[in-house]
Amino acid sequence: MSNKPILFADCVSAESTLIKVISNTSRNMHLYASIIDPALFNSEPCVAAFSRFARSSKVAKLQVLIEDHKLFAIRNPAFLDLAQRLTGRIEIRSVPAEIRVDSACYLLGDEQSIWYIPDSGVLSGTYNESNRVRAQKLAEQFLYLWERSKQPQDFRRLN
Protein backbone atom coordinates (compact mmCIF):
# COMPACT_ATOMS: atom_id res chain seq x y z
CA MET A 1 0.00 0.00 0.00
CA SER A 2 1.13 3.48 -0.82
CA ASN A 3 1.64 6.17 1.79
CA LYS A 4 1.73 8.86 -0.89
CA PRO A 5 -1.39 11.07 -1.06
CA ILE A 6 -3.34 11.41 -4.30
CA LEU A 7 -4.87 14.82 -5.02
CA PHE A 8 -8.36 15.25 -6.45
CA ALA A 9 -10.07 18.45 -7.54
CA ASP A 10 -13.31 17.47 -9.28
CA CYS A 11 -16.39 15.36 -8.70
CA VAL A 12 -15.22 12.45 -10.88
CA SER A 13 -11.87 11.95 -9.14
CA ALA A 14 -13.42 12.64 -5.71
CA GLU A 15 -16.00 9.91 -6.33
CA SER A 16 -13.49 7.39 -7.68
CA THR A 17 -11.14 7.84 -4.70
CA LEU A 18 -14.07 7.75 -2.27
CA ILE A 19 -15.19 4.43 -3.76
CA LYS A 20 -11.59 3.12 -3.41
CA VAL A 21 -11.67 3.78 0.32
CA ILE A 22 -15.09 2.12 0.66
CA SER A 23 -14.07 -0.89 -1.44
CA ASN A 24 -10.79 -1.41 0.43
CA THR A 25 -12.35 -1.24 3.90
CA SER A 26 -13.33 -4.45 5.67
CA ARG A 27 -14.32 -3.54 9.24
CA ASN A 28 -15.16 0.06 10.03
CA MET A 29 -15.59 3.42 8.40
CA HIS A 30 -15.95 6.83 10.00
CA LEU A 31 -17.47 9.59 7.89
CA TYR A 32 -17.46 13.17 9.17
CA ALA A 33 -18.95 15.96 7.14
CA SER A 34 -20.09 19.44 7.95
CA ILE A 35 -21.84 19.33 4.58
CA ILE A 36 -22.30 16.05 2.71
CA ASP A 37 -22.24 16.68 -1.02
CA PRO A 38 -25.18 14.88 -2.66
CA ALA A 39 -23.26 14.65 -5.94
CA LEU A 40 -21.03 12.19 -4.09
CA PHE A 41 -22.84 10.61 -1.20
CA ASN A 42 -26.24 10.33 -2.87
CA SER A 43 -24.84 9.13 -6.20
CA GLU A 44 -25.76 5.59 -7.26
CA PRO A 45 -22.12 4.35 -7.38
CA CYS A 46 -21.35 5.61 -3.86
CA VAL A 47 -24.60 4.39 -2.32
CA ALA A 48 -24.02 0.99 -3.97
CA ALA A 49 -20.44 0.89 -2.62
CA PHE A 50 -21.64 1.75 0.91
CA SER A 51 -24.33 -0.94 0.58
CA ARG A 52 -21.77 -3.58 -0.50
CA PHE A 53 -19.52 -2.62 2.40
CA ALA A 54 -22.31 -2.73 5.00
CA ARG A 55 -23.46 -6.16 3.79
CA SER A 56 -19.92 -7.57 3.37
CA SER A 57 -19.52 -9.03 6.86
CA LYS A 58 -21.04 -9.15 10.31
CA VAL A 59 -18.42 -6.76 11.65
CA ALA A 60 -18.75 -4.10 8.94
CA LYS A 61 -19.89 -0.79 10.43
CA LEU A 62 -20.24 2.73 9.05
CA GLN A 63 -20.55 5.61 11.50
CA VAL A 64 -21.57 8.97 10.04
CA LEU A 65 -21.37 12.35 11.78
CA ILE A 66 -23.18 15.27 10.20
CA GLU A 67 -24.02 18.80 11.26
CA ASP A 68 -27.40 19.65 9.74
CA HIS A 69 -29.58 16.54 9.75
CA LYS A 70 -32.54 18.24 8.06
CA LEU A 71 -30.42 19.42 5.13
CA PHE A 72 -28.80 15.99 4.99
CA ALA A 73 -32.21 14.29 4.72
CA ILE A 74 -33.30 16.62 1.90
CA ARG A 75 -30.07 16.35 -0.10
CA ASN A 76 -29.24 12.66 0.45
CA PRO A 77 -32.45 10.58 0.36
CA ALA A 78 -30.85 7.46 -1.18
CA PHE A 79 -28.04 7.41 1.40
CA LEU A 80 -30.52 8.01 4.24
CA ASP A 81 -32.79 5.23 2.94
CA LEU A 82 -29.82 2.83 2.90
CA ALA A 83 -28.91 3.80 6.47
CA GLN A 84 -32.49 3.26 7.61
CA ARG A 85 -32.59 -0.19 5.98
CA LEU A 86 -29.25 -1.21 7.49
CA THR A 87 -29.58 0.28 10.98
CA GLY A 88 -27.28 -2.26 12.59
CA ARG A 89 -24.50 -1.49 10.11
CA ILE A 90 -24.91 2.22 9.30
CA GLU A 91 -25.55 4.79 12.01
CA ILE A 92 -25.95 8.52 11.46
CA ARG A 93 -25.58 11.02 14.28
CA SER A 94 -25.77 14.78 14.44
CA VAL A 95 -22.94 16.75 16.07
CA PRO A 96 -24.17 19.41 18.52
CA ALA A 97 -23.32 22.96 17.37
CA GLU A 98 -21.27 23.75 20.46
CA ILE A 99 -18.66 21.04 19.75
CA ARG A 100 -18.30 21.19 15.97
CA VAL A 101 -14.65 21.31 15.06
CA ASP A 102 -14.19 22.34 11.45
CA SER A 103 -15.65 22.43 7.97
CA ALA A 104 -13.78 19.36 6.76
CA CYS A 105 -15.21 16.23 5.24
CA TYR A 106 -13.38 12.94 5.68
CA LEU A 107 -13.85 9.21 5.41
CA LEU A 108 -11.57 6.83 7.31
CA GLY A 109 -11.34 3.20 6.29
CA ASP A 110 -10.16 0.71 8.93
CA GLU A 111 -8.28 3.60 10.58
CA GLN A 112 -5.77 3.47 7.75
CA SER A 113 -7.16 4.90 4.49
CA ILE A 114 -8.10 8.58 4.43
CA TRP A 115 -10.29 10.49 2.00
CA TYR A 116 -10.07 14.14 3.09
CA ILE A 117 -11.53 17.46 1.96
CA PRO A 118 -10.33 20.39 4.13
CA ASP A 119 -13.34 22.57 3.28
CA SER A 120 -16.66 20.84 2.58
CA GLY A 121 -17.69 23.75 0.38
CA VAL A 122 -14.87 23.06 -2.10
CA LEU A 123 -14.63 19.67 -3.81
CA SER A 124 -10.86 19.39 -3.61
CA GLY A 125 -8.81 17.15 -1.36
CA THR A 126 -6.58 14.13 -0.92
CA TYR A 127 -6.84 10.37 -0.80
CA ASN A 128 -4.22 8.39 1.07
CA GLU A 129 -4.35 4.61 0.92
CA SER A 130 -2.25 4.06 4.03
CA ASN A 131 -1.52 6.69 6.65
CA ARG A 132 -2.17 5.12 10.04
CA VAL A 133 -0.73 8.02 12.06
CA ARG A 134 -2.98 10.68 10.53
CA ALA A 135 -5.94 8.29 10.37
CA GLN A 136 -5.56 7.51 14.09
CA LYS A 137 -5.58 11.23 14.95
CA LEU A 138 -8.72 11.79 12.88
CA ALA A 139 -10.31 8.66 14.39
CA GLU A 140 -9.67 9.99 17.91
CA GLN A 141 -11.30 13.30 16.96
CA PHE A 142 -14.19 11.43 15.36
CA LEU A 143 -14.77 9.20 18.40
CA TYR A 144 -14.70 12.24 20.73
CA LEU A 145 -17.48 13.81 18.64
CA TRP A 146 -19.33 10.49 18.25
CA GLU A 147 -19.61 10.02 22.01
CA ARG A 148 -21.18 13.49 22.33
CA SER A 149 -23.59 13.26 19.42
CA LYS A 150 -27.08 11.84 19.04
CA GLN A 151 -29.10 10.14 16.34
CA PRO A 152 -31.74 12.54 14.99
CA GLN A 153 -35.19 11.29 16.02
CA ASP A 154 -36.63 11.76 12.53
CA PHE A 155 -33.97 9.46 11.01
CA ARG A 156 -35.30 6.39 12.75
CA ARG A 157 -37.43 4.23 10.50
CA LEU A 158 -40.86 3.40 11.85
CA ASN A 159 -41.70 -0.31 11.67
C-alpha atoms as a PDB file:
ATOM      1  CA  MET A   1       0.000   0.000   0.000  1.00  0.00           C
ATOM      2  CA  SER A   2       1.132   3.477  -0.824  1.00  0.00           C
ATOM      3  CA  ASN A   3       1.637   6.169   1.794  1.00  0.00           C
ATOM      4  CA  LYS A   4       1.729   8.861  -0.895  1.00  0.00           C
ATOM      5  CA  PRO A   5      -1.395  11.072  -1.061  1.00  0.00           C
ATOM      6  CA  ILE A   6      -3.341  11.410  -4.299  1.00  0.00           C
ATOM      7  CA  LEU A   7      -4.867  14.818  -5.020  1.00  0.00           C
ATOM      8  CA  PHE A   8      -8.358  15.247  -6.451  1.00  0.00           C
ATOM      9  CA  ALA A   9     -10.066  18.449  -7.536  1.00  0.00           C
ATOM     10  CA  ASP A  10     -13.306  17.473  -9.280  1.00  0.00           C
ATOM     11  CA  CYS A  11     -16.388  15.358  -8.703  1.00  0.00           C
ATOM     12  CA  VAL A  12     -15.224  12.451 -10.883  1.00  0.00           C
ATOM     13  CA  SER A  13     -11.875  11.955  -9.137  1.00  0.00           C
ATOM     14  CA  ALA A  14     -13.423  12.643  -5.710  1.00  0.00           C
ATOM     15  CA  GLU A  15     -16.005   9.913  -6.333  1.00  0.00           C
ATOM     16  CA  SER A  16     -13.493   7.391  -7.682  1.00  0.00           C
ATOM     17  CA  THR A  17     -11.145   7.844  -4.702  1.00  0.00           C
ATOM     18  CA  LEU A  18     -14.073   7.749  -2.269  1.00  0.00           C
ATOM     19  CA  ILE A  19     -15.185   4.432  -3.761  1.00  0.00           C
ATOM     20  CA  LYS A  20     -11.592   3.118  -3.409  1.00  0.00           C
ATOM     21  CA  VAL A  21     -11.674   3.776   0.324  1.00  0.00           C
ATOM     22  CA  ILE A  22     -15.088   2.121   0.661  1.00  0.00           C
ATOM     23  CA  SER A  23     -14.065  -0.891  -1.436  1.00  0.00           C
ATOM     24  CA  ASN A  24     -10.788  -1.409   0.430  1.00  0.00           C
ATOM     25  CA  THR A  25     -12.348  -1.241   3.898  1.00  0.00           C
ATOM     26  CA  SER A  26     -13.326  -4.449   5.673  1.00  0.00           C
ATOM     27  CA  ARG A  27     -14.322  -3.544   9.239  1.00  0.00           C
ATOM     28  CA  ASN A  28     -15.158   0.060  10.026  1.00  0.00           C
ATOM     29  CA  MET A  29     -15.594   3.420   8.403  1.00  0.00           C
ATOM     30  CA  HIS A  30     -15.947   6.826  10.001  1.00  0.00           C
ATOM     31  CA  LEU A  31     -17.474   9.589   7.886  1.00  0.00           C
ATOM     32  CA  TYR A  32     -17.456  13.173   9.167  1.00  0.00           C
ATOM     33  CA  ALA A  33     -18.951  15.959   7.138  1.00  0.00           C
ATOM     34  CA  SER A  34     -20.092  19.437   7.949  1.00  0.00           C
ATOM     35  CA  ILE A  35     -21.839  19.329   4.578  1.00  0.00           C
ATOM     36  CA  ILE A  36     -22.297  16.054   2.713  1.00  0.00           C
ATOM     37  CA  ASP A  37     -22.243  16.677  -1.015  1.00  0.00           C
ATOM     38  CA  PRO A  38     -25.181  14.884  -2.661  1.00  0.00           C
ATOM     39  CA  ALA A  39     -23.263  14.652  -5.942  1.00  0.00           C
ATOM     40  CA  LEU A  40     -21.028  12.191  -4.091  1.00  0.00           C
ATOM     41  CA  PHE A  41     -22.838  10.606  -1.205  1.00  0.00           C
ATOM     42  CA  ASN A  42     -26.235  10.332  -2.869  1.00  0.00           C
ATOM     43  CA  SER A  43     -24.839   9.127  -6.201  1.00  0.00           C
ATOM     44  CA  GLU A  44     -25.761   5.594  -7.256  1.00  0.00           C
ATOM     45  CA  PRO A  45     -22.124   4.352  -7.384  1.00  0.00           C
ATOM     46  CA  CYS A  46     -21.348   5.610  -3.865  1.00  0.00           C
ATOM     47  CA  VAL A  47     -24.603   4.389  -2.318  1.00  0.00           C
ATOM     48  CA  ALA A  48     -24.017   0.989  -3.973  1.00  0.00           C
ATOM     49  CA  ALA A  49     -20.437   0.889  -2.620  1.00  0.00           C
ATOM     50  CA  PHE A  50     -21.635   1.747   0.908  1.00  0.00           C
ATOM     51  CA  SER A  51     -24.328  -0.935   0.578  1.00  0.00           C
ATOM     52  CA  ARG A  52     -21.771  -3.581  -0.500  1.00  0.00           C
ATOM     53  CA  PHE A  53     -19.523  -2.624   2.400  1.00  0.00           C
ATOM     54  CA  ALA A  54     -22.314  -2.734   4.997  1.00  0.00           C
ATOM     55  CA  ARG A  55     -23.455  -6.156   3.785  1.00  0.00           C
ATOM     56  CA  SER A  56     -19.922  -7.572   3.367  1.00  0.00           C
ATOM     57  CA  SER A  57     -19.515  -9.035   6.857  1.00  0.00           C
ATOM     58  CA  LYS A  58     -21.040  -9.148  10.311  1.00  0.00           C
ATOM     59  CA  VAL A  59     -18.424  -6.757  11.651  1.00  0.00           C
ATOM     60  CA  ALA A  60     -18.748  -4.096   8.938  1.00  0.00           C
ATOM     61  CA  LYS A  61     -19.893  -0.792  10.431  1.00  0.00           C
ATOM     62  CA  LEU A  62     -20.237   2.734   9.048  1.00  0.00           C
ATOM     63  CA  GLN A  63     -20.552   5.613  11.496  1.00  0.00           C
ATOM     64  CA  VAL A  64     -21.574   8.974  10.038  1.00  0.00           C
ATOM     65  CA  LEU A  65     -21.371  12.352  11.775  1.00  0.00           C
ATOM     66  CA  ILE A  66     -23.183  15.275  10.198  1.00  0.00           C
ATOM     67  CA  GLU A  67     -24.021  18.799  11.261  1.00  0.00           C
ATOM     68  CA  ASP A  68     -27.396  19.654   9.739  1.00  0.00           C
ATOM     69  CA  HIS A  69     -29.575  16.536   9.752  1.00  0.00           C
ATOM     70  CA  LYS A  70     -32.543  18.240   8.064  1.00  0.00           C
ATOM     71  CA  LEU A  71     -30.421  19.424   5.134  1.00  0.00           C
ATOM     72  CA  PHE A  72     -28.796  15.987   4.987  1.00  0.00           C
ATOM     73  CA  ALA A  73     -32.211  14.294   4.715  1.00  0.00           C
ATOM     74  CA  ILE A  74     -33.299  16.616   1.895  1.00  0.00           C
ATOM     75  CA  ARG A  75     -30.067  16.347  -0.104  1.00  0.00           C
ATOM     76  CA  ASN A  76     -29.241  12.657   0.455  1.00  0.00           C
ATOM     77  CA  PRO A  77     -32.454  10.583   0.359  1.00  0.00           C
ATOM     78  CA  ALA A  78     -30.847   7.464  -1.176  1.00  0.00           C
ATOM     79  CA  PHE A  79     -28.036   7.407   1.398  1.00  0.00           C
ATOM     80  CA  LEU A  80     -30.516   8.008   4.238  1.00  0.00           C
ATOM     81  CA  ASP A  81     -32.791   5.234   2.944  1.00  0.00           C
ATOM     82  CA  LEU A  82     -29.819   2.833   2.898  1.00  0.00           C
ATOM     83  CA  ALA A  83     -28.908   3.799   6.473  1.00  0.00           C
ATOM     84  CA  GLN A  84     -32.492   3.257   7.613  1.00  0.00           C
ATOM     85  CA  ARG A  85     -32.590  -0.192   5.981  1.00  0.00           C
ATOM     86  CA  LEU A  86     -29.245  -1.214   7.494  1.00  0.00           C
ATOM     87  CA  THR A  87     -29.584   0.283  10.980  1.00  0.00           C
ATOM     88  CA  GLY A  88     -27.282  -2.257  12.590  1.00  0.00           C
ATOM     89  CA  ARG A  89     -24.504  -1.495  10.113  1.00  0.00           C
ATOM     90  CA  ILE A  90     -24.910   2.216   9.302  1.00  0.00           C
ATOM     91  CA  GLU A  91     -25.552   4.788  12.006  1.00  0.00           C
ATOM     92  CA  ILE A  92     -25.947   8.523  11.465  1.00  0.00           C
ATOM     93  CA  ARG A  93     -25.578  11.020  14.283  1.00  0.00           C
ATOM     94  CA  SER A  94     -25.771  14.777  14.443  1.00  0.00           C
ATOM     95  CA  VAL A  95     -22.939  16.748  16.074  1.00  0.00           C
ATOM     96  CA  PRO A  96     -24.167  19.410  18.516  1.00  0.00           C
ATOM     97  CA  ALA A  97     -23.319  22.957  17.365  1.00  0.00           C
ATOM     98  CA  GLU A  98     -21.265  23.746  20.463  1.00  0.00           C
ATOM     99  CA  ILE A  99     -18.659  21.042  19.753  1.00  0.00           C
ATOM    100  CA  ARG A 100     -18.300  21.189  15.971  1.00  0.00           C
ATOM    101  CA  VAL A 101     -14.650  21.305  15.064  1.00  0.00           C
ATOM    102  CA  ASP A 102     -14.192  22.336  11.452  1.00  0.00           C
ATOM    103  CA  SER A 103     -15.655  22.433   7.965  1.00  0.00           C
ATOM    104  CA  ALA A 104     -13.779  19.355   6.758  1.00  0.00           C
ATOM    105  CA  CYS A 105     -15.208  16.228   5.245  1.00  0.00           C
ATOM    106  CA  TYR A 106     -13.380  12.943   5.680  1.00  0.00           C
ATOM    107  CA  LEU A 107     -13.850   9.207   5.411  1.00  0.00           C
ATOM    108  CA  LEU A 108     -11.575   6.833   7.309  1.00  0.00           C
ATOM    109  CA  GLY A 109     -11.344   3.199   6.289  1.00  0.00           C
ATOM    110  CA  ASP A 110     -10.159   0.715   8.933  1.00  0.00           C
ATOM    111  CA  GLU A 111      -8.283   3.605  10.578  1.00  0.00           C
ATOM    112  CA  GLN A 112      -5.770   3.469   7.751  1.00  0.00           C
ATOM    113  CA  SER A 113      -7.160   4.903   4.491  1.00  0.00           C
ATOM    114  CA  ILE A 114      -8.102   8.576   4.432  1.00  0.00           C
ATOM    115  CA  TRP A 115     -10.286  10.495   2.002  1.00  0.00           C
ATOM    116  CA  TYR A 116     -10.074  14.141   3.092  1.00  0.00           C
ATOM    117  CA  ILE A 117     -11.532  17.459   1.957  1.00  0.00           C
ATOM    118  CA  PRO A 118     -10.333  20.386   4.125  1.00  0.00           C
ATOM    119  CA  ASP A 119     -13.342  22.570   3.282  1.00  0.00           C
ATOM    120  CA  SER A 120     -16.663  20.844   2.584  1.00  0.00           C
ATOM    121  CA  GLY A 121     -17.688  23.754   0.378  1.00  0.00           C
ATOM    122  CA  VAL A 122     -14.872  23.060  -2.104  1.00  0.00           C
ATOM    123  CA  LEU A 123     -14.634  19.666  -3.814  1.00  0.00           C
ATOM    124  CA  SER A 124     -10.860  19.387  -3.611  1.00  0.00           C
ATOM    125  CA  GLY A 125      -8.809  17.152  -1.358  1.00  0.00           C
ATOM    126  CA  THR A 126      -6.583  14.125  -0.919  1.00  0.00           C
ATOM    127  CA  TYR A 127      -6.837  10.366  -0.798  1.00  0.00           C
ATOM    128  CA  ASN A 128      -4.220   8.385   1.068  1.00  0.00           C
ATOM    129  CA  GLU A 129      -4.351   4.606   0.916  1.00  0.00           C
ATOM    130  CA  SER A 130      -2.247   4.059   4.033  1.00  0.00           C
ATOM    131  CA  ASN A 131      -1.516   6.688   6.653  1.00  0.00           C
ATOM    132  CA  ARG A 132      -2.166   5.122  10.041  1.00  0.00           C
ATOM    133  CA  VAL A 133      -0.731   8.022  12.061  1.00  0.00           C
ATOM    134  CA  ARG A 134      -2.980  10.682  10.530  1.00  0.00           C
ATOM    135  CA  ALA A 135      -5.935   8.292  10.369  1.00  0.00           C
ATOM    136  CA  GLN A 136      -5.556   7.515  14.087  1.00  0.00           C
ATOM    137  CA  LYS A 137      -5.580  11.235  14.952  1.00  0.00           C
ATOM    138  CA  LEU A 138      -8.717  11.792  12.878  1.00  0.00           C
ATOM    139  CA  ALA A 139     -10.313   8.665  14.388  1.00  0.00           C
ATOM    140  CA  GLU A 140      -9.666   9.989  17.907  1.00  0.00           C
ATOM    141  CA  GLN A 141     -11.301  13.300  16.965  1.00  0.00           C
ATOM    142  CA  PHE A 142     -14.193  11.430  15.357  1.00  0.00           C
ATOM    143  CA  LEU A 143     -14.766   9.200  18.400  1.00  0.00           C
ATOM    144  CA  TYR A 144     -14.699  12.236  20.730  1.00  0.00           C
ATOM    145  CA  LEU A 145     -17.482  13.813  18.643  1.00  0.00           C
ATOM    146  CA  TRP A 146     -19.334  10.489  18.248  1.00  0.00           C
ATOM    147  CA  GLU A 147     -19.614  10.025  22.013  1.00  0.00           C
ATOM    148  CA  ARG A 148     -21.184  13.489  22.330  1.00  0.00           C
ATOM    149  CA  SER A 149     -23.590  13.261  19.419  1.00  0.00           C
ATOM    150  CA  LYS A 150     -27.085  11.841  19.042  1.00  0.00           C
ATOM    151  CA  GLN A 151     -29.096  10.137  16.343  1.00  0.00           C
ATOM    152  CA  PRO A 152     -31.738  12.536  14.990  1.00  0.00           C
ATOM    153  CA  GLN A 153     -35.190  11.292  16.020  1.00  0.00           C
ATOM    154  CA  ASP A 154     -36.626  11.763  12.531  1.00  0.00           C
ATOM    155  CA  PHE A 155     -33.967   9.463  11.008  1.00  0.00           C
ATOM    156  CA  ARG A 156     -35.303   6.392  12.754  1.00  0.00           C
ATOM    157  CA  ARG A 157     -37.430   4.232  10.504  1.00  0.00           C
ATOM    158  CA  LEU A 158     -40.856   3.401  11.847  1.00  0.00           C
ATOM    159  CA  ASN A 159     -41.696  -0.308  11.669  1.00  0.00           C
END
